[in-house]
Amino acid sequence: MDNNKLICKACGNDSFSEGKLDGYAALRPVDKFFSNGSSLIFTLCQKCGEVASIKAEKPYKFTSSI
């Protein structure tokens, strides 16, 4: 996630892993129906599974403003 040491807000653990959600569950821009979108990268606690962050793997696919 970043260089700061993460601490789980749910259980206090400091060991984290990353996982990817992709395929049909990819995040797509609201205004681009046929876009492939981007996979989501999750940072989660190895002990309890609490999700510490979610980020788009390809944020450049979301360039339009609201």
PDB file of N, CA and C in Angstrom:
ATOM      1  N   MET A   1       0.832  -1.183   0.000  1.00  0.00           N
ATOM      2  CA  MET A   1       0.000   0.000   0.000  1.00  0.00           C
ATOM      3  C   MET A   1       0.873   1.242   0.000  1.00  0.00           C
ATOM      4  N   ASP A   2       1.634   1.478   1.056  1.00  0.00           N
ATOM      5  CA  ASP A   2       2.625   2.544   1.088  1.00  0.00           C
ATOM      6  C   ASP A   2       3.731   2.136   2.048  1.00  0.00           C
ATOM      7  N   ASN A   3       4.664   3.036   2.282  1.00  0.00           N
ATOM      8  CA  ASN A   3       5.808   2.694   3.124  1.00  0.00           C
ATOM      9  C   ASN A   3       5.482   2.695   4.614  1.00  0.00           C
ATOM     10  N   ASN A   4       4.346   3.275   5.002  1.00  0.00           N
ATOM     11  CA  ASN A   4       3.960   3.277   6.408  1.00  0.00           C
ATOM     12  C   ASN A   4       3.552   1.873   6.833  1.00  0.00           C
ATOM     13  N   LYS A   5       3.859   1.520   8.065  1.00  0.00           N
ATOM     14  CA  LYS A   5       3.491   0.206   8.594  1.00  0.00           C
ATOM     15  C   LYS A   5       1.995   0.200   8.885  1.00  0.00           C
ATOM     16  N   LEU A   6       1.278  -0.736   8.292  1.00  0.00           N
ATOM     17  CA  LEU A   6      -0.158  -0.843   8.514  1.00  0.00           C
ATOM     18  C   LEU A   6      -0.446  -1.618   9.789  1.00  0.00           C
ATOM     19  N   ILE A   7      -1.472  -1.194  10.497  1.00  0.00           N
ATOM     20  CA  ILE A   7      -1.984  -1.901  11.664  1.00  0.00           C
ATOM     21  C   ILE A   7      -3.475  -2.116  11.413  1.00  0.00           C
ATOM     22  N   CYS A   8      -3.937  -3.339  11.549  1.00  0.00           N
ATOM     23  CA  CYS A   8      -5.342  -3.656  11.318  1.00  0.00           C
ATOM     24  C   CYS A   8      -6.218  -2.956  12.357  1.00  0.00           C
ATOM     25  N   LYS A   9      -7.237  -2.237  11.898  1.00  0.00           N
ATOM     26  CA  LYS A   9      -8.152  -1.541  12.804  1.00  0.00           C
ATOM     27  C   LYS A   9      -9.061  -2.509  13.549  1.00  0.00           C
ATOM     28  N   ALA A  10      -9.244  -3.710  13.008  1.00  0.00           N
ATOM     29  CA  ALA A  10     -10.149  -4.680  13.631  1.00  0.00           C
ATOM     30  C   ALA A  10      -9.473  -5.534  14.698  1.00  0.00           C
ATOM     31  N   CYS A  11      -8.222  -5.987  14.428  1.00  0.00           N
ATOM     32  CA  CYS A  11      -7.598  -6.936  15.363  1.00  0.00           C
ATOM     33  C   CYS A  11      -6.205  -6.523  15.840  1.00  0.00           C
ATOM     34  N   GLY A  12      -5.624  -5.459  15.278  1.00  0.00           N
ATOM     35  CA  GLY A  12      -4.310  -4.997  15.710  1.00  0.00           C
ATOM     36  C   GLY A  12      -3.135  -5.693  15.050  1.00  0.00           C
ATOM     37  N   ASN A  13      -3.382  -6.643  14.166  1.00  0.00           N
ATOM     38  CA  ASN A  13      -2.320  -7.370  13.468  1.00  0.00           C
ATOM     39  C   ASN A  13      -1.565  -6.430  12.522  1.00  0.00           C
ATOM     40  N   ASP A  14      -0.310  -6.774  12.217  1.00  0.00           N
ATOM     41  CA  ASP A  14       0.470  -5.930  11.303  1.00  0.00           C
ATOM     42  C   ASP A  14       0.952  -6.684  10.057  1.00  0.00           C
ATOM     43  N   SER A  15       0.342  -7.825   9.746  1.00  0.00           N
ATOM     44  CA  SER A  15       0.697  -8.593   8.548  1.00  0.00           C
ATOM     45  C   SER A  15      -0.432  -8.488   7.526  1.00  0.00           C
ATOM     46  N   PHE A  16      -0.093  -8.003   6.333  1.00  0.00           N
ATOM     47  CA  PHE A  16      -1.086  -7.774   5.292  1.00  0.00           C
ATOM     48  C   PHE A  16      -0.674  -8.446   3.995  1.00  0.00           C
ATOM     49  N   SER A  17      -1.661  -8.760   3.168  1.00  0.00           N
ATOM     50  CA  SER A  17      -1.448  -9.324   1.838  1.00  0.00           C
ATOM     51  C   SER A  17      -2.299  -8.551   0.849  1.00  0.00           C
ATOM     52  N   GLU A  18      -1.984  -8.715  -0.443  1.00  0.00           N
ATOM     53  CA  GLU A  18      -2.788  -8.091  -1.483  1.00  0.00           C
ATOM     54  C   GLU A  18      -3.510  -9.161  -2.283  1.00  0.00           C
ATOM     55  N   GLY A  19      -4.722  -8.840  -2.702  1.00  0.00           N
ATOM     56  CA  GLY A  19      -5.512  -9.711  -3.560  1.00  0.00           C
ATOM     57  C   GLY A  19      -6.105  -8.896  -4.691  1.00  0.00           C
ATOM     58  N   LYS A  20      -6.523  -9.573  -5.745  1.00  0.00           N
ATOM     59  CA  LYS A  20      -7.038  -8.897  -6.936  1.00  0.00           C
ATOM     60  C   LYS A  20      -8.438  -9.401  -7.264  1.00  0.00           C
ATOM     61  N   LEU A  21      -9.341  -8.473  -7.540  1.00  0.00           N
ATOM     62  CA  LEU A  21     -10.682  -8.784  -8.004  1.00  0.00           C
ATOM     63  C   LEU A  21     -10.762  -8.325  -9.449  1.00  0.00           C
ATOM     64  N   ASP A  22     -10.991  -9.269 -10.374  1.00  0.00           N
ATOM     65  CA  ASP A  22     -11.017  -8.892 -11.787  1.00  0.00           C
ATOM     66  C   ASP A  22     -12.057  -9.708 -12.538  1.00  0.00           C
ATOM     67  N   GLY A  23     -11.935  -9.784 -13.841  1.00  0.00           N
ATOM     68  CA  GLY A  23     -12.916 -10.507 -14.650  1.00  0.00           C
ATOM     69  C   GLY A  23     -14.195  -9.708 -14.777  1.00  0.00           C
ATOM     70  N   TYR A  24     -15.339 -10.373 -14.622  1.00  0.00           N
ATOM     71  CA  TYR A  24     -16.632  -9.693 -14.743  1.00  0.00           C
ATOM     72  C   TYR A  24     -16.856  -8.686 -13.623  1.00  0.00           C
ATOM     73  N   ALA A  25     -16.115  -8.788 -12.552  1.00  0.00           N
ATOM     74  CA  ALA A  25     -16.277  -7.881 -11.421  1.00  0.00           C
ATOM     75  C   ALA A  25     -15.395  -6.641 -11.526  1.00  0.00           C
ATOM     76  N   ALA A  26     -14.778  -6.399 -12.680  1.00  0.00           N
ATOM     77  CA  ALA A  26     -13.898  -5.239 -12.843  1.00  0.00           C
ATOM     78  C   ALA A  26     -14.682  -3.941 -12.661  1.00  0.00           C
ATOM     79  N   LEU A  27     -14.012  -2.931 -12.145  1.00  0.00           N
ATOM     80  CA  LEU A  27     -14.587  -1.604 -11.971  1.00  0.00           C
ATOM     81  C   LEU A  27     -14.578  -0.896 -13.313  1.00  0.00           C
ATOM     82  N   ARG A  28     -15.741  -0.366 -13.731  1.00  0.00           N
ATOM     83  CA  ARG A  28     -15.851   0.295 -15.031  1.00  0.00           C
ATOM     84  C   ARG A  28     -16.325   1.725 -14.854  1.00  0.00           C
ATOM     85  N   PRO A  29     -15.877   2.642 -15.734  1.00  0.00           N
ATOM     86  CA  PRO A  29     -16.385   4.014 -15.692  1.00  0.00           C
ATOM     87  C   PRO A  29     -17.897   4.025 -15.934  1.00  0.00           C
ATOM     88  N   VAL A  30     -18.616   4.869 -15.234  1.00  0.00           N
ATOM     89  CA  VAL A  30     -20.068   4.943 -15.344  1.00  0.00           C
ATOM     90  C   VAL A  30     -20.506   5.308 -16.760  1.00  0.00           C
ATOM     91  N   ASP A  31     -19.778   6.209 -17.409  1.00  0.00           N
ATOM     92  CA  ASP A  31     -20.189   6.723 -18.716  1.00  0.00           C
ATOM     93  C   ASP A  31     -19.615   5.946 -19.903  1.00  0.00           C
ATOM     94  N   LYS A  32     -18.916   4.852 -19.669  1.00  0.00           N
ATOM     95  CA  LYS A  32     -18.305   4.077 -20.759  1.00  0.00           C
ATOM     96  C   LYS A  32     -18.751   2.622 -20.655  1.00  0.00           C
ATOM     97  N   PHE A  33     -19.861   2.309 -21.307  1.00  0.00           N
ATOM     98  CA  PHE A  33     -20.483   0.990 -21.196  1.00  0.00           C
ATOM     99  C   PHE A  33     -19.576  -0.143 -21.678  1.00  0.00           C
ATOM    100  N   PHE A  34     -18.816   0.075 -22.744  1.00  0.00           N
ATOM    101  CA  PHE A  34     -18.002  -0.992 -23.328  1.00  0.00           C
ATOM    102  C   PHE A  34     -16.547  -0.986 -22.858  1.00  0.00           C
ATOM    103  N   SER A  35     -16.232  -0.201 -21.863  1.00  0.00           N
ATOM    104  CA  SER A  35     -14.867  -0.148 -21.341  1.00  0.00           C
ATOM    105  C   SER A  35     -14.517  -1.447 -20.613  1.00  0.00           C
ATOM    106  N   ASN A  36     -13.268  -1.874 -20.732  1.00  0.00           N
ATOM    107  CA  ASN A  36     -12.787  -3.037 -19.979  1.00  0.00           C
ATOM    108  C   ASN A  36     -12.608  -2.714 -18.507  1.00  0.00           C
ATOM    109  N   GLY A  37     -12.482  -1.442 -18.185  1.00  0.00           N
ATOM    110  CA  GLY A  37     -12.340  -1.031 -16.802  1.00  0.00           C
ATOM    111  C   GLY A  37     -11.011  -1.439 -16.195  1.00  0.00           C
ATOM    112  N   SER A  38     -11.032  -1.672 -14.899  1.00  0.00           N
ATOM    113  CA  SER A  38      -9.812  -1.957 -14.159  1.00  0.00           C
ATOM    114  C   SER A  38     -10.082  -2.989 -13.074  1.00  0.00           C
ATOM    115  N   SER A  39      -9.115  -3.843 -12.858  1.00  0.00           N
ATOM    116  CA  SER A  39      -9.178  -4.756 -11.715  1.00  0.00           C
ATOM    117  C   SER A  39      -9.052  -3.942 -10.433  1.00  0.00           C
ATOM    118  N   LEU A  40      -9.514  -4.495  -9.333  1.00  0.00           N
ATOM    119  CA  LEU A  40      -9.374  -3.858  -8.031  1.00  0.00           C
ATOM    120  C   LEU A  40      -8.326  -4.606  -7.224  1.00  0.00           C
ATOM    121  N   ILE A  41      -7.453  -3.862  -6.566  1.00  0.00           N
ATOM    122  CA  ILE A  41      -6.420  -4.430  -5.704  1.00  0.00           C
ATOM    123  C   ILE A  41      -6.829  -4.171  -4.250  1.00  0.00           C
ATOM    124  N   PHE A  42      -6.951  -5.247  -3.479  1.00  0.00           N
ATOM    125  CA  PHE A  42      -7.330  -5.157  -2.073  1.00  0.00           C
ATOM    126  C   PHE A  42      -6.108  -5.424  -1.202  1.00  0.00           C
ATOM    127  N   THR A  43      -5.933  -4.642  -0.155  1.00  0.00           N
ATOM    128  CA  THR A  43      -4.931  -4.916   0.875  1.00  0.00           C
ATOM    129  C   THR A  43      -5.712  -5.388   2.095  1.00  0.00           C
ATOM    130  N   LEU A  44      -5.423  -6.620   2.554  1.00  0.00           N
ATOM    131  CA  LEU A  44      -6.210  -7.176   3.643  1.00  0.00           C
ATOM    132  C   LEU A  44      -5.342  -7.798   4.724  1.00  0.00           C
ATOM    133  N   CYS A  45      -5.881  -7.786   5.934  1.00  0.00           N
ATOM    134  CA  CYS A  45      -5.212  -8.357   7.106  1.00  0.00           C
ATOM    135  C   CYS A  45      -5.122  -9.868   6.951  1.00  0.00           C
ATOM    136  N   GLN A  46      -3.941 -10.426   7.204  1.00  0.00           N
ATOM    137  CA  GLN A  46      -3.743 -11.873   7.093  1.00  0.00           C
ATOM    138  C   GLN A  46      -4.399 -12.637   8.241  1.00  0.00           C
ATOM    139  N   LYS A  47      -4.659 -11.968   9.343  1.00  0.00           N
ATOM    140  CA  LYS A  47      -5.227 -12.658  10.505  1.00  0.00           C
ATOM    141  C   LYS A  47      -6.754 -12.707  10.465  1.00  0.00           C
ATOM    142  N   CYS A  48      -7.404 -11.567  10.219  1.00  0.00           N
ATOM    143  CA  CYS A  48      -8.873 -11.539  10.306  1.00  0.00           C
ATOM    144  C   CYS A  48      -9.569 -11.246   8.977  1.00  0.00           C
ATOM    145  N   GLY A  49      -8.820 -10.826   7.949  1.00  0.00           N
ATOM    146  CA  GLY A  49      -9.408 -10.572   6.640  1.00  0.00           C
ATOM    147  C   GLY A  49      -9.962  -9.171   6.448  1.00  0.00           C
ATOM    148  N   GLU A  50      -9.843  -8.313   7.438  1.00  0.00           N
ATOM    149  CA  GLU A  50     -10.310  -6.929   7.320  1.00  0.00           C
ATOM    150  C   GLU A  50      -9.618  -6.261   6.133  1.00  0.00           C
ATOM    151  N   VAL A  51     -10.386  -5.548   5.296  1.00  0.00           N
ATOM    152  CA  VAL A  51      -9.830  -4.866   4.129  1.00  0.00           C
ATOM    153  C   VAL A  51      -9.332  -3.487   4.556  1.00  0.00           C
ATOM    154  N   ALA A  52      -8.033  -3.236   4.358  1.00  0.00           N
ATOM    155  CA  ALA A  52      -7.426  -1.961   4.736  1.00  0.00           C
ATOM    156  C   ALA A  52      -7.518  -0.940   3.612  1.00  0.00           C
ATOM    157  N   SER A  53      -7.483  -1.396   2.350  1.00  0.00           N
ATOM    158  CA  SER A  53      -7.606  -0.465   1.228  1.00  0.00           C
ATOM    159  C   SER A  53      -8.087  -1.189  -0.022  1.00  0.00           C
ATOM    160  N   ILE A  54      -8.706  -0.407  -0.892  1.00  0.00           N
ATOM    161  CA  ILE A  54      -9.121  -0.878  -2.213  1.00  0.00           C
ATOM    162  C   ILE A  54      -8.647   0.178  -3.198  1.00  0.00           C
ATOM    163  N   LYS A  55      -7.953  -0.252  -4.258  1.00  0.00           N
ATOM    164  CA  LYS A  55      -7.523   0.715  -5.267  1.00  0.00           C
ATOM    165  C   LYS A  55      -7.677   0.122  -6.659  1.00  0.00           C
ATOM    166  N   ALA A  56      -7.900   1.000  -7.636  1.00  0.00           N
ATOM    167  CA  ALA A  56      -8.006   0.578  -9.031  1.00  0.00           C
ATOM    168  C   ALA A  56      -6.606   0.311  -9.560  1.00  0.00           C
ATOM    169  N   GLU A  57      -6.430  -0.817 -10.243  1.00  0.00           N
ATOM    170  CA  GLU A  57      -5.130  -1.157 -10.815  1.00  0.00           C
ATOM    171  C   GLU A  57      -4.761  -0.198 -11.948  1.00  0.00           C
ATOM    172  N   LYS A  58      -5.757   0.276 -12.702  1.00  0.00           N
ATOM    173  CA  LYS A  58      -5.528   1.180 -13.837  1.00  0.00           C
ATOM    174  C   LYS A  58      -6.359   2.454 -13.667  1.00  0.00           C
ATOM    175  N   PRO A  59      -5.963   3.360 -12.764  1.00  0.00           N
ATOM    176  CA  PRO A  59      -6.772   4.556 -12.501  1.00  0.00           C
ATOM    177  C   PRO A  59      -6.902   5.489 -13.708  1.00  0.00           C
ATOM    178  N   TYR A  60      -5.996   5.388 -14.663  1.00  0.00           N
ATOM    179  CA  TYR A  60      -6.062   6.250 -15.849  1.00  0.00           C
ATOM    180  C   TYR A  60      -7.297   5.963 -16.709  1.00  0.00           C
ATOM    181  N   LYS A  61      -7.970   4.849 -16.489  1.00  0.00           N
ATOM    182  CA  LYS A  61      -9.187   4.534 -17.247  1.00  0.00           C
ATOM    183  C   LYS A  61     -10.379   5.371 -16.782  1.00  0.00           C
ATOM    184  N   PHE A  62     -10.204   6.139 -15.710  1.00  0.00           N
ATOM    185  CA  PHE A  62     -11.281   6.941 -15.131  1.00  0.00           C
ATOM    186  C   PHE A  62     -10.921   8.418 -15.208  1.00  0.00           C
ATOM    187  N   THR A  63     -10.846   8.944 -16.413  1.00  0.00           N
ATOM    188  CA  THR A  63     -10.380  10.320 -16.602  1.00  0.00           C
ATOM    189  C   THR A  63     -11.495  11.348 -16.641  1.00  0.00           C
ATOM    190  N   SER A  64     -12.748  10.967 -16.868  1.00  0.00           N
ATOM    191  CA  SER A  64     -13.826  11.949 -16.950  1.00  0.00           C
ATOM    192  C   SER A  64     -14.223  12.421 -15.556  1.00  0.00           C
ATOM    193  N   SER A  65     -14.647  13.686 -15.472  1.00  0.00           N
ATOM    194  CA  SER A  65     -15.069  14.275 -14.196  1.00  0.00           C
ATOM    195  C   SER A  65     -16.548  14.014 -13.955  1.00  0.00           C
ATOM    196  N   ILE A  66     -16.947  14.162 -12.704  1.00  0.00           N
ATOM    197  CA  ILE A  66     -18.361  13.974 -12.363  1.00  0.00           C
ATOM    198  C   ILE A  66     -19.111  15.253 -12.644  1.00  0.00           C
TER     199      ILE A  66
END
